[in-house]
Protein backbone atom coordinates (compact mmCIF):
# COMPACT_ATOMS: atom_id res chain seq x y z
CA MET A 1 -6.02 -16.94 32.67
CA GLY A 2 -8.92 -14.66 31.77
CA SER A 3 -7.05 -12.01 29.79
CA CYS A 4 -7.66 -12.20 26.07
CA SER A 5 -4.55 -10.13 25.48
CA ALA A 6 -2.30 -12.25 27.64
CA THR A 7 0.71 -13.95 26.09
CA ALA A 8 -0.55 -16.21 23.34
CA ARG A 9 -0.33 -19.93 23.95
CA SER A 10 0.33 -22.46 21.23
CA SER A 11 -2.67 -24.18 19.66
CA SER A 12 -3.16 -26.83 17.03
CA GLY A 13 -5.46 -24.45 15.15
CA SER A 14 -2.90 -21.77 14.36
CA ALA A 15 -2.54 -22.59 10.66
CA HIS A 16 -4.95 -19.82 9.67
CA VAL A 17 -5.85 -16.70 11.59
CA THR A 18 -8.11 -14.09 10.05
CA ASP A 19 -6.44 -10.69 10.20
CA GLY A 20 -8.69 -8.09 11.82
CA ALA A 21 -7.19 -5.35 9.65
CA SER A 22 -8.25 -7.13 6.47
CA LEU A 23 -11.84 -7.21 7.68
CA THR A 24 -12.26 -3.61 8.79
CA GLY A 25 -9.56 -1.55 7.18
CA GLY A 26 -7.74 -0.99 10.49
CA ASP A 27 -6.76 -2.70 13.71
CA ILE A 28 -9.12 -2.96 16.64
CA GLY A 29 -7.35 -1.23 19.53
CA GLU A 30 -5.70 -4.07 21.41
CA SER A 31 -4.98 -1.95 24.48
CA ALA A 32 -8.61 -0.79 24.64
CA PHE A 33 -9.82 -4.37 24.37
CA GLU A 34 -7.40 -5.42 27.11
CA GLN A 35 -8.58 -2.57 29.33
CA LEU A 36 -12.18 -3.73 29.00
CA TRP A 37 -11.20 -7.34 29.61
CA SER A 38 -8.95 -6.73 32.60
CA ALA A 39 -11.63 -4.63 34.34
CA ILE A 40 -13.83 -7.72 34.81
CA ALA A 41 -11.12 -10.36 35.17
CA ASP A 42 -11.46 -10.68 38.95
CA ILE A 43 -15.22 -10.19 39.38
CA GLY A 44 -16.74 -13.38 40.73
CA ARG A 45 -13.54 -15.36 40.22
CA ASP A 46 -12.51 -18.11 42.63
CA PRO A 47 -8.80 -17.58 43.39
CA THR A 48 -8.33 -21.29 44.01
CA THR A 49 -9.93 -22.82 40.92
CA GLY A 50 -9.66 -19.81 38.60
CA GLY A 51 -13.31 -20.36 37.65
CA TYR A 52 -16.15 -17.86 37.80
CA ARG A 53 -19.36 -17.85 39.85
CA ARG A 54 -21.40 -14.99 38.47
CA PHE A 55 -24.91 -16.16 39.30
CA ALA A 56 -28.00 -14.09 38.60
CA TRP A 57 -28.82 -11.35 41.11
CA THR A 58 -25.76 -12.05 43.27
CA GLU A 59 -23.09 -9.53 44.19
CA ALA A 60 -20.84 -10.69 41.34
CA ASP A 61 -23.65 -10.38 38.81
CA LEU A 62 -24.60 -6.93 40.06
CA SER A 63 -20.95 -5.84 39.83
CA MET A 64 -20.85 -7.00 36.20
CA ARG A 65 -24.04 -5.08 35.47
CA GLU A 66 -22.58 -1.96 37.07
CA TRP A 67 -19.41 -2.33 34.98
CA PHE A 68 -21.50 -2.69 31.82
CA GLY A 69 -23.53 0.39 32.64
CA GLY A 70 -20.39 2.44 33.25
CA GLU A 71 -18.80 1.39 29.96
CA CYS A 72 -21.98 2.23 28.07
CA ALA A 73 -22.12 5.68 29.68
CA THR A 74 -18.48 6.29 28.73
CA ARG A 75 -19.40 5.63 25.09
CA GLY A 76 -22.47 7.85 25.15
CA LEU A 77 -24.83 4.90 24.73
CA ASP A 78 -28.36 5.20 26.10
CA LEU A 79 -28.82 2.40 28.65
CA VAL A 80 -32.33 1.00 29.08
CA GLU A 81 -33.20 -1.88 31.41
CA ASP A 82 -36.38 -3.86 30.76
CA GLN A 83 -38.58 -5.34 33.49
CA THR A 84 -36.65 -8.63 33.50
CA GLY A 85 -33.30 -6.90 33.98
CA ASN A 86 -31.84 -7.21 30.47
CA GLN A 87 -29.61 -4.20 29.74
CA TRP A 88 -29.91 -2.54 26.32
CA ALA A 89 -27.34 0.12 25.38
CA TRP A 90 -28.45 2.07 22.30
CA TRP A 91 -26.48 4.13 19.83
CA GLY A 92 -29.37 5.96 18.21
CA ASP A 93 -33.07 6.11 19.05
CA PRO A 94 -34.71 2.68 18.66
CA ASP A 95 -38.21 4.17 18.78
CA GLY A 96 -37.62 7.04 16.36
CA ALA A 97 -35.82 5.15 13.59
CA ALA A 98 -37.35 4.09 10.30
CA SER A 99 -35.96 0.55 10.73
CA ALA A 100 -35.65 -1.68 13.78
CA GLY A 101 -32.21 -1.83 15.36
CA VAL A 102 -29.10 -3.90 14.83
CA VAL A 103 -28.39 -5.63 18.13
CA THR A 104 -25.34 -7.53 19.33
CA GLY A 105 -24.01 -8.61 22.72
CA SER A 106 -24.41 -11.70 24.89
CA HIS A 107 -24.46 -12.31 28.66
CA LEU A 108 -22.22 -11.75 31.70
CA ASP A 109 -23.34 -14.51 34.09
CA SER A 110 -21.59 -17.89 34.37
CA VAL A 111 -21.99 -21.54 35.24
CA PRO A 112 -20.38 -22.78 38.48
CA ASP A 113 -16.61 -22.42 38.08
CA GLY A 114 -17.11 -21.37 34.48
CA GLY A 115 -14.60 -19.93 32.06
CA ALA A 116 -13.87 -16.29 31.38
CA PHE A 117 -15.06 -16.16 27.78
CA ASP A 118 -18.53 -17.76 27.69
CA GLY A 119 -20.73 -14.68 27.45
CA PRO A 120 -18.33 -11.84 28.34
CA LEU A 121 -16.38 -12.23 25.09
CA GLY A 122 -19.52 -11.27 23.16
CA VAL A 123 -20.17 -8.21 25.33
CA VAL A 124 -16.57 -6.98 25.39
CA SER A 125 -16.21 -7.54 21.63
CA ALA A 126 -19.40 -5.57 21.02
CA LEU A 127 -18.16 -2.60 23.05
CA ALA A 128 -14.79 -2.75 21.27
CA ALA A 129 -16.55 -2.89 17.90
CA ILE A 130 -18.53 0.23 18.85
CA ASP A 131 -15.22 1.92 19.70
CA LYS A 132 -13.88 0.99 16.28
CA LEU A 133 -16.89 2.37 14.45
CA LYS A 134 -16.85 5.61 16.43
CA ALA A 135 -13.11 6.03 15.85
CA ASP A 136 -13.71 5.62 12.11
CA GLY A 137 -16.36 8.36 12.20
CA PHE A 138 -19.14 5.92 11.31
CA GLN A 139 -22.68 7.26 11.66
CA PRO A 140 -25.33 4.51 11.77
CA ARG A 141 -28.48 4.91 9.73
CA ARG A 142 -30.11 2.21 11.84
CA PRO A 143 -29.73 2.28 15.63
CA ILE A 144 -27.12 -0.11 17.05
CA CYS A 145 -27.49 -1.76 20.45
CA VAL A 146 -25.27 -3.79 22.78
CA VAL A 147 -27.30 -6.06 25.06
CA ASN A 148 -26.45 -7.92 28.25
CA PHE A 149 -29.05 -10.65 28.77
CA VAL A 150 -29.72 -11.60 32.38
CA ASP A 151 -29.31 -15.21 33.65
CA GLU A 152 -28.46 -16.88 30.35
CA GLU A 153 -26.79 -19.87 31.97
CA GLY A 154 -29.58 -20.65 34.44
CA ALA A 155 -26.95 -21.66 36.99
CA ARG A 156 -28.88 -20.32 39.97
CA PHE A 157 -32.52 -21.09 39.21
CA GLY A 158 -32.23 -24.02 36.79
CA VAL A 159 -33.78 -22.51 33.66
CA SER A 160 -31.47 -21.13 30.99
CA CYS A 161 -31.92 -17.91 29.01
CA ILE A 162 -34.39 -16.46 31.49
CA GLY A 163 -33.89 -12.92 30.20
CA SER A 164 -34.71 -13.68 26.57
CA ARG A 165 -37.36 -16.29 27.41
CA MET A 166 -39.24 -13.81 29.57
CA ILE A 167 -39.42 -10.90 27.13
CA THR A 168 -40.44 -13.20 24.25
CA GLY A 169 -43.12 -14.96 26.30
CA ALA A 170 -41.39 -18.35 26.26
CA LEU A 171 -41.35 -18.44 30.09
CA SER A 172 -44.37 -17.60 32.22
CA PRO A 173 -43.83 -14.95 34.88
CA ASP A 174 -45.53 -17.03 37.58
CA ARG A 175 -43.20 -19.92 36.97
CA ALA A 176 -40.14 -17.64 36.85
CA ARG A 177 -41.00 -15.95 40.13
CA ALA A 178 -41.42 -19.34 41.83
CA LEU A 179 -38.09 -20.83 40.68
CA ARG A 180 -35.80 -21.62 43.63
CA ASP A 181 -32.04 -21.79 43.98
CA ALA A 182 -30.11 -24.35 46.03
CA GLU A 183 -30.69 -22.32 49.21
CA GLY A 184 -34.44 -22.20 48.69
CA VAL A 185 -34.46 -18.53 47.64
CA THR A 186 -37.05 -17.83 44.96
CA MET A 187 -36.20 -15.81 41.91
CA ALA A 188 -38.77 -13.25 43.03
CA GLU A 189 -37.01 -12.89 46.39
CA ALA A 190 -33.59 -12.61 44.75
CA MET A 191 -34.77 -9.94 42.34
CA ARG A 192 -36.46 -7.96 45.09
CA ALA A 193 -33.33 -8.10 47.26
CA ALA A 194 -31.37 -6.67 44.31
CA GLY A 195 -33.80 -3.78 43.97
CA TRP A 196 -35.97 -5.19 41.19
CA GLN A 197 -39.74 -5.59 41.04
CA PRO A 198 -40.58 -9.19 40.09
CA GLU A 199 -44.31 -8.46 39.98
CA HIS A 200 -43.65 -6.61 36.72
CA LEU A 201 -42.20 -9.67 34.97
CA GLY A 202 -43.89 -10.66 31.73
CA PRO A 203 -43.61 -10.62 27.94
CA GLU A 204 -42.38 -7.32 26.51
CA PRO A 205 -43.23 -7.30 22.79
CA GLU A 206 -42.26 -3.64 22.48
CA VAL A 207 -38.72 -4.53 23.58
CA VAL A 208 -38.46 -7.42 21.11
CA ALA A 209 -39.88 -5.25 18.31
CA ARG A 210 -36.85 -2.94 18.58
CA VAL A 211 -34.59 -5.83 17.49
CA GLY A 212 -34.50 -5.94 13.71
CA THR A 213 -31.38 -8.11 13.50
CA PHE A 214 -29.49 -9.89 16.27
CA VAL A 215 -25.92 -11.14 15.81
CA GLU A 216 -24.38 -12.74 18.90
CA LEU A 217 -20.62 -13.26 19.07
CA HIS A 218 -19.58 -16.17 21.30
CA ILE A 219 -16.59 -18.32 22.10
CA GLU A 220 -16.89 -21.65 20.30
CA GLN A 221 -17.68 -24.39 22.79
CA GLY A 222 -15.96 -27.17 20.90
CA ARG A 223 -13.13 -27.89 18.46
CA GLY A 224 -14.74 -27.18 15.09
CA LEU A 225 -12.64 -24.11 14.31
CA VAL A 226 -9.48 -25.75 15.64
CA ASP A 227 -9.97 -28.59 13.17
CA LEU A 228 -10.70 -26.13 10.34
CA GLY A 229 -7.75 -23.88 11.16
CA ARG A 230 -9.98 -20.80 11.13
CA ALA A 231 -10.44 -18.02 13.67
CA VAL A 232 -14.08 -17.17 13.02
CA ALA A 233 -17.20 -19.03 11.91
CA VAL A 234 -20.88 -18.23 11.42
CA GLY A 235 -23.50 -20.13 13.42
CA ASN A 236 -26.56 -21.33 11.51
CA ALA A 237 -28.46 -23.55 13.94
CA ILE A 238 -28.82 -24.78 17.52
CA TRP A 239 -29.62 -28.37 18.42
CA PRO A 240 -32.85 -29.03 20.31
CA HIS A 241 -32.09 -29.38 24.00
CA GLY A 242 -33.62 -29.30 27.45
CA ARG A 243 -33.36 -29.96 31.17
CA TRP A 244 -35.25 -32.56 33.16
CA ARG A 245 -35.51 -33.16 36.91
CA ILE A 246 -35.40 -36.79 38.05
CA GLU A 247 -36.73 -37.43 41.55
CA ILE A 248 -35.78 -40.82 43.00
CA PRO A 249 -37.47 -42.08 46.18
CA GLY A 250 -35.79 -44.04 48.96
CA GLU A 251 -36.03 -44.73 52.67
CA ALA A 252 -33.73 -43.20 55.29
CA ASN A 253 -31.99 -45.70 57.52
CA HIS A 254 -28.76 -46.46 59.35
CA ALA A 255 -25.76 -47.29 57.18
CA GLY A 256 -24.23 -49.54 59.80
CA THR A 257 -27.20 -51.66 60.86
CA THR A 258 -29.49 -52.04 57.86
CA ARG A 259 -29.10 -55.25 55.87
CA LEU A 260 -28.54 -54.83 52.13
CA SER A 261 -31.74 -56.75 51.44
CA ASP A 262 -33.73 -54.32 53.58
CA ARG A 263 -32.44 -51.13 51.98
CA ARG A 264 -34.27 -48.68 49.71
CA ASP A 265 -31.28 -46.49 48.87
CA ALA A 266 -32.16 -43.56 46.62
CA VAL A 267 -28.52 -43.25 45.58
CA ILE A 268 -28.70 -46.65 43.87
CA GLY A 269 -31.59 -45.37 41.77
CA CYS A 270 -29.66 -42.18 41.09
CA ALA A 271 -26.68 -44.21 39.85
CA ARG A 272 -29.01 -46.09 37.51
CA ALA A 273 -30.22 -42.75 36.15
CA VAL A 274 -26.66 -41.60 35.43
CA LEU A 275 -25.86 -44.83 33.60
CA ALA A 276 -29.19 -44.74 31.76
CA ALA A 277 -28.38 -41.27 30.46
CA ARG A 278 -25.05 -42.42 29.06
CA ALA A 279 -26.58 -45.54 27.47
CA ALA A 280 -29.39 -43.58 25.82
CA ALA A 281 -26.95 -41.03 24.43
CA GLU A 282 -24.87 -43.81 22.90
CA THR A 283 -27.98 -45.44 21.42
CA TYR A 284 -29.30 -42.32 19.70
CA ASP A 285 -26.01 -40.52 18.96
CA SER A 286 -27.10 -37.71 21.23
CA LEU A 287 -25.71 -36.02 24.35
CA ALA A 288 -27.08 -36.66 27.84
CA THR A 289 -25.49 -35.48 31.07
CA VAL A 290 -26.34 -35.66 34.76
CA GLY A 291 -24.31 -32.74 36.08
CA LYS A 292 -26.11 -31.96 39.33
CA ILE A 293 -27.33 -34.27 42.11
CA ASN A 294 -28.94 -33.52 45.46
CA ILE A 295 -28.88 -36.34 48.03
CA GLN A 296 -31.03 -36.27 51.17
CA PRO A 297 -30.39 -36.30 54.08
CA GLY A 298 -26.73 -36.21 52.98
CA GLY A 299 -25.08 -37.98 55.92
CA VAL A 300 -22.07 -40.20 55.37
CA ASN A 301 -23.52 -42.86 57.70
CA ALA A 302 -27.11 -42.54 56.48
CA ILE A 303 -28.94 -44.36 53.72
CA SER A 304 -30.52 -41.75 51.49
CA SER A 305 -34.22 -41.05 51.67
CA SER A 306 -34.35 -39.29 48.31
CA ALA A 307 -32.20 -38.12 45.45
CA THR A 308 -32.78 -35.52 42.79
CA ALA A 309 -30.74 -35.57 39.59
CA TRP A 310 -30.86 -33.00 36.82
CA LEU A 311 -30.54 -34.25 33.25
CA ASP A 312 -29.28 -32.14 30.36
CA ALA A 313 -30.06 -33.73 26.99
CA ARG A 314 -29.31 -32.53 23.46
CA ALA A 315 -29.46 -34.04 19.99
CA ALA A 316 -29.09 -33.12 16.34
CA ASP A 317 -32.84 -33.41 15.77
CA GLU A 318 -36.09 -33.53 17.71
CA SER A 319 -36.75 -37.23 17.21
CA ALA A 320 -33.36 -38.24 18.60
CA LEU A 321 -33.82 -35.97 21.62
CA SER A 322 -37.29 -37.33 22.37
CA ALA A 323 -36.10 -40.92 21.99
CA THR A 324 -33.14 -40.27 24.30
CA VAL A 325 -35.30 -38.88 27.09
CA ALA A 326 -37.96 -41.58 26.64
CA GLN A 327 -35.38 -44.35 27.06
CA ILE A 328 -34.04 -42.71 30.21
CA GLU A 329 -37.57 -42.37 31.59
CA ARG A 330 -38.21 -46.09 31.03
CA GLU A 331 -34.99 -47.07 32.77
CA VAL A 332 -35.44 -44.89 35.85
CA ALA A 333 -39.09 -45.91 36.26
CA THR A 334 -37.86 -49.22 37.68
CA SER A 335 -36.58 -47.24 40.70
CA GLY A 336 -39.89 -45.43 41.11
CA ALA A 337 -38.38 -42.21 39.79
CA VAL A 338 -40.45 -39.37 38.40
CA VAL A 339 -39.08 -37.32 35.49
CA THR A 340 -40.26 -33.72 35.04
CA GLU A 341 -39.35 -31.46 32.15
CA GLU A 342 -38.04 -28.13 33.44
CA SER A 343 -37.22 -26.46 30.12
CA ARG A 344 -36.98 -27.40 26.48
CA THR A 345 -35.78 -25.44 23.47
CA PRO A 346 -36.80 -26.70 20.03
CA GLN A 347 -34.48 -27.15 17.11
CA THR A 348 -33.49 -23.66 16.01
CA ALA A 349 -32.51 -22.57 12.54
CA PHE A 350 -31.16 -19.06 12.20
CA ASP A 351 -32.12 -16.78 9.33
CA ASP A 352 -30.74 -18.54 6.21
CA ALA A 353 -30.35 -15.32 4.23
CA LEU A 354 -28.54 -13.62 7.12
CA VAL A 355 -26.25 -16.61 7.67
CA SER A 356 -25.28 -16.76 3.98
CA TRP A 357 -24.70 -13.01 3.87
CA LEU A 358 -22.52 -13.12 7.00
CA ALA A 359 -20.42 -16.02 5.71
CA ASN A 360 -19.81 -14.23 2.42
CA LEU A 361 -19.03 -10.92 4.13
CA LEU A 362 -16.52 -12.52 6.48
CA ASP A 363 -14.16 -13.96 3.86
CA ASP A 364 -16.22 -17.11 3.18
CA ALA A 365 -16.26 -18.01 6.87
CA PRO A 366 -17.23 -21.60 7.66
CA VAL A 367 -20.80 -22.22 8.76
CA MET A 368 -21.55 -24.54 11.69
CA SER A 369 -24.30 -25.55 14.09
CA THR A 370 -23.92 -25.95 17.84
CA GLY A 371 -25.31 -28.06 20.65
CA ALA A 372 -25.10 -25.13 23.08
CA GLY A 373 -28.11 -22.95 23.79
CA HIS A 374 -27.95 -19.16 23.41
CA ASP A 375 -30.20 -16.12 23.68
CA ALA A 376 -29.85 -15.82 19.90
CA GLY A 377 -31.80 -19.06 19.62
CA ILE A 378 -34.61 -17.82 21.85
CA LEU A 379 -34.93 -14.64 19.78
CA ALA A 380 -34.83 -16.62 16.53
CA ASN A 381 -37.68 -18.84 17.73
CA ALA A 382 -39.62 -15.65 18.48
CA GLY A 383 -39.29 -14.52 14.86
CA VAL A 384 -36.24 -12.27 15.10
CA SER A 385 -33.70 -12.41 12.26
CA ALA A 386 -30.69 -13.82 14.13
CA ALA A 387 -27.36 -15.57 13.64
CA MET A 388 -24.10 -16.06 15.53
CA ILE A 389 -20.38 -15.50 15.13
CA PHE A 390 -18.11 -18.06 16.80
CA VAL A 391 -14.52 -17.36 17.84
CA ARG A 392 -12.00 -20.19 17.98
CA ASN A 393 -11.30 -21.90 21.30
CA PRO A 394 -7.96 -23.74 21.02
CA THR A 395 -8.64 -25.92 24.06
CA GLY A 396 -12.05 -26.99 22.78
CA VAL A 397 -13.16 -26.78 26.43
CA SER A 398 -16.00 -24.66 27.78
CA HIS A 399 -17.87 -24.26 31.08
CA SER A 400 -14.46 -24.67 32.68
CA PRO A 401 -11.50 -22.45 33.61
CA ALA A 402 -9.66 -24.11 30.70
CA GLU A 403 -11.85 -22.20 28.24
CA TRP A 404 -9.65 -19.91 26.16
CA ALA A 405 -9.31 -17.63 23.14
CA GLU A 406 -6.04 -16.40 21.71
CA PRO A 407 -5.51 -12.60 21.60
CA GLU A 408 -5.33 -12.54 17.81
CA ASP A 409 -8.57 -14.53 17.57
CA CYS A 410 -10.30 -12.09 19.93
CA GLN A 411 -9.11 -9.32 17.61
CA ALA A 412 -10.40 -11.19 14.57
CA GLY A 413 -13.79 -11.74 16.18
CA THR A 414 -14.12 -8.09 17.14
CA ALA A 415 -13.06 -6.99 13.67
CA ALA A 416 -15.62 -9.31 12.12
CA LEU A 417 -18.34 -7.94 14.37
CA ALA A 418 -17.41 -4.32 13.56
CA THR A 419 -17.68 -5.12 9.86
CA VAL A 420 -21.08 -6.75 10.33
CA LEU A 421 -22.46 -3.85 12.38
CA ALA A 422 -21.20 -1.30 9.87
CA GLU A 423 -22.78 -3.13 6.96
CA LEU A 424 -26.11 -3.79 8.68
CA ALA A 425 -26.48 -0.32 10.15
CA GLY A 426 -25.02 1.60 7.25
CA VAL A 427 -27.97 1.04 4.96
CA GLU A 428 -31.70 0.66 5.41
CA ARG A 429 -32.44 -3.06 5.31
């Protein structure tokens, strides 16, 4: 898997597929899209699992950045990299225009063993949409930009959307530099090893000011479009969500000689935390997941001296999220655990006027919210007019090699994006 133009597989959502030609007046070049897609298909891919490991500032991530830069140069786009490492490829001068730019794109990093589409689909579709507009002889009156945000997933250093959080001031540079990966490498060290200068990290209001409108195309990370029988939807909101670190104390001892009554096993407390997360989610109709655990000292015949669990919690509103985390905190306190918030993103509503305009423009596309975080949400919370376009995922699965998009749906998403860019950049807004 990984090729959006591979032989289409059957899906329960095939009752209605938006035709790209009807949206733009001509087909998006399927072979060109496939060429873009196939060029990155093997970068950072595990040949055994089929999943991707494109973590920030690793060789795979740097290869993706190099690929992006090459494709932008081929299209005559002016590539600018900010101090955090976000890559901005401009068609037109963002500093000399009368209006701020129209920006699209997404990210190229992944979660551990992630799917091919989460992030890259938005970048590849943006480049293909640029190709379409250029082939049609379109001349933008507002500058258009394709962006690749760095470290959106937060898979290496634990905080998501680092690229957009940093430039908007939502993440302090001191904290970012001190973040550590599983090997103990700080983000500052990783950036420096990749040729970057972490001492220059900080808010970049002049970069954000160039973004007049941001529309991020993304694979849907659920089954909403499958159930609706539609290929494309418009995103109007992101649930509040965050990550918390739960540190559970214990006492190291011998597994074969220590009586059960004498044990202080951190793993028992960790198990309580996992179950507490599930119970709280059921109570408040929210989502709570413990997806990463670190056990020390990690010996099969050793009772654990400590355990660290990372909680991901999301809910439809702020009160439900707060109540979910509070219940978990109460439950784990009985094991002496300490809960620390590592990141939190508030409830995010995209620009209502932009969302309505997009839905109308794209053949009355359905409008939906999502529980997944995105750079579009960080920009929206910083005051940028933003919205999203979702492309159908027939498996309904994401953050997994089973993530998928049918070729015709990729074409529909790209066609929709080309239409949006043409309309937004064709007039002064």
